[in-house]
Amino acid sequence: MDTLHLFLEGPGRETIAVTTLDAETYGSAQGASEPTHRTLVDDNGNIAEQTDKSGYRYQFRERFGVWSLIVSD
């Protein structure tokens, strides 16, 4: 299986490589296979929290703006 690479694209189309720091599932344990909240981290230790239900929008604690998740293989 190929490795997936995660990036966040932010204001000015700046792109930062990230990895998953934490993934939590909320609600019923009945068949919930996908996490409903992710926390991502970049190479410098900056943490980005998921801000939407679909998992494509994130916000860094130390950076301005909303960042979009990009998945690449």
C-alpha atoms as a PDB file:
ATOM      1  CA  MET A   1       0.000   0.000   0.000  1.00  0.00           C
ATOM      2  CA  ASP A   2       1.283   3.483  -0.868  1.00  0.00           C
ATOM      3  CA  THR A   3       2.016   6.018   1.837  1.00  0.00           C
ATOM      4  CA  LEU A   4      -0.278   9.035   1.902  1.00  0.00           C
ATOM      5  CA  HIS A   5       1.284  12.461   2.462  1.00  0.00           C
ATOM      6  CA  LEU A   6      -0.701  15.185   4.222  1.00  0.00           C
ATOM      7  CA  PHE A   7      -0.293  18.905   3.591  1.00  0.00           C
ATOM      8  CA  LEU A   8      -2.118  22.012   4.734  1.00  0.00           C
ATOM      9  CA  GLU A   9      -2.541  24.863   2.268  1.00  0.00           C
ATOM     10  CA  GLY A  10      -3.091  28.254   3.819  1.00  0.00           C
ATOM     11  CA  PRO A  11      -3.339  31.926   3.012  1.00  0.00           C
ATOM     12  CA  GLY A  12      -1.248  32.891  -0.008  1.00  0.00           C
ATOM     13  CA  ARG A  13      -1.261  29.200  -1.068  1.00  0.00           C
ATOM     14  CA  GLU A  14       1.548  28.428   1.413  1.00  0.00           C
ATOM     15  CA  THR A  15       1.803  24.640   1.751  1.00  0.00           C
ATOM     16  CA  ILE A  16       3.104  22.846   4.852  1.00  0.00           C
ATOM     17  CA  ALA A  17       3.693  19.098   5.304  1.00  0.00           C
ATOM     18  CA  VAL A  18       1.875  17.710   8.359  1.00  0.00           C
ATOM     19  CA  THR A  19       1.289  14.414  10.158  1.00  0.00           C
ATOM     20  CA  THR A  20      -1.571  13.211  12.344  1.00  0.00           C
ATOM     21  CA  LEU A  21      -0.943  13.903  16.016  1.00  0.00           C
ATOM     22  CA  ASP A  22      -4.317  12.695  17.298  1.00  0.00           C
ATOM     23  CA  ALA A  23      -7.627  11.423  15.917  1.00  0.00           C
ATOM     24  CA  GLU A  24     -10.772  11.046  18.036  1.00  0.00           C
ATOM     25  CA  THR A  25     -14.213   9.640  17.337  1.00  0.00           C
ATOM     26  CA  TYR A  26     -17.192  11.149  19.140  1.00  0.00           C
ATOM     27  CA  GLY A  27     -20.708   9.853  19.625  1.00  0.00           C
ATOM     28  CA  SER A  28     -21.932   6.309  19.332  1.00  0.00           C
ATOM     29  CA  ALA A  29     -19.435   3.451  19.182  1.00  0.00           C
ATOM     30  CA  GLN A  30     -21.770   1.579  16.816  1.00  0.00           C
ATOM     31  CA  GLY A  31     -19.823   1.176  13.596  1.00  0.00           C
ATOM     32  CA  ALA A  32     -17.979   4.502  13.821  1.00  0.00           C
ATOM     33  CA  SER A  33     -14.848   3.712  11.805  1.00  0.00           C
ATOM     34  CA  GLU A  34     -13.712   7.213  10.796  1.00  0.00           C
ATOM     35  CA  PRO A  35     -12.369   9.787  13.249  1.00  0.00           C
ATOM     36  CA  THR A  36     -14.557  12.858  13.625  1.00  0.00           C
ATOM     37  CA  HIS A  37     -11.823  15.187  14.934  1.00  0.00           C
ATOM     38  CA  ARG A  38      -8.154  15.281  13.947  1.00  0.00           C
ATOM     39  CA  THR A  39      -5.184  17.194  15.270  1.00  0.00           C
ATOM     40  CA  LEU A  40      -2.275  17.675  12.861  1.00  0.00           C
ATOM     41  CA  VAL A  41       1.295  18.828  13.519  1.00  0.00           C
ATOM     42  CA  ASP A  42       3.985  20.238  11.200  1.00  0.00           C
ATOM     43  CA  ASP A  43       7.755  19.600  11.317  1.00  0.00           C
ATOM     44  CA  ASN A  44       8.235  22.591  13.651  1.00  0.00           C
ATOM     45  CA  GLY A  45       5.729  21.307  16.204  1.00  0.00           C
ATOM     46  CA  ASN A  46       2.955  23.770  15.294  1.00  0.00           C
ATOM     47  CA  ILE A  47      -0.442  22.216  16.030  1.00  0.00           C
ATOM     48  CA  ALA A  48      -3.482  22.551  13.749  1.00  0.00           C
ATOM     49  CA  GLU A  49      -6.990  21.656  14.962  1.00  0.00           C
ATOM     50  CA  GLN A  50      -9.804  20.510  12.665  1.00  0.00           C
ATOM     51  CA  THR A  51     -12.509  23.190  12.387  1.00  0.00           C
ATOM     52  CA  ASP A  52     -15.168  21.461  10.263  1.00  0.00           C
ATOM     53  CA  LYS A  53     -17.097  18.191  10.360  1.00  0.00           C
ATOM     54  CA  SER A  54     -15.797  16.921   7.015  1.00  0.00           C
ATOM     55  CA  GLY A  55     -12.132  17.114   8.062  1.00  0.00           C
ATOM     56  CA  TYR A  56     -10.784  19.409   5.357  1.00  0.00           C
ATOM     57  CA  ARG A  57     -10.391  22.705   7.260  1.00  0.00           C
ATOM     58  CA  TYR A  58      -7.831  23.345   9.991  1.00  0.00           C
ATOM     59  CA  GLN A  59      -6.550  26.246  12.036  1.00  0.00           C
ATOM     60  CA  PHE A  60      -3.102  26.578  13.588  1.00  0.00           C
ATOM     61  CA  ARG A  61      -2.879  27.961  17.102  1.00  0.00           C
ATOM     62  CA  GLU A  62       0.059  30.205  16.118  1.00  0.00           C
ATOM     63  CA  ARG A  63      -0.906  31.122  12.528  1.00  0.00           C
ATOM     64  CA  PHE A  64      -3.620  33.236  10.961  1.00  0.00           C
ATOM     65  CA  GLY A  65      -6.373  31.912   8.709  1.00  0.00           C
ATOM     66  CA  VAL A  66      -8.057  28.675   7.799  1.00  0.00           C
ATOM     67  CA  TRP A  67      -5.929  25.981   6.169  1.00  0.00           C
ATOM     68  CA  SER A  68      -7.178  23.305   3.732  1.00  0.00           C
ATOM     69  CA  LEU A  69      -6.115  19.654   3.886  1.00  0.00           C
ATOM     70  CA  ILE A  70      -4.404  18.214   0.797  1.00  0.00           C
ATOM     71  CA  VAL A  71      -3.791  14.450   0.561  1.00  0.00           C
ATOM     72  CA  SER A  72      -1.213  13.123  -1.900  1.00  0.00           C
ATOM     73  CA  ASP A  73       0.345   9.735  -2.598  1.00  0.00           C
END
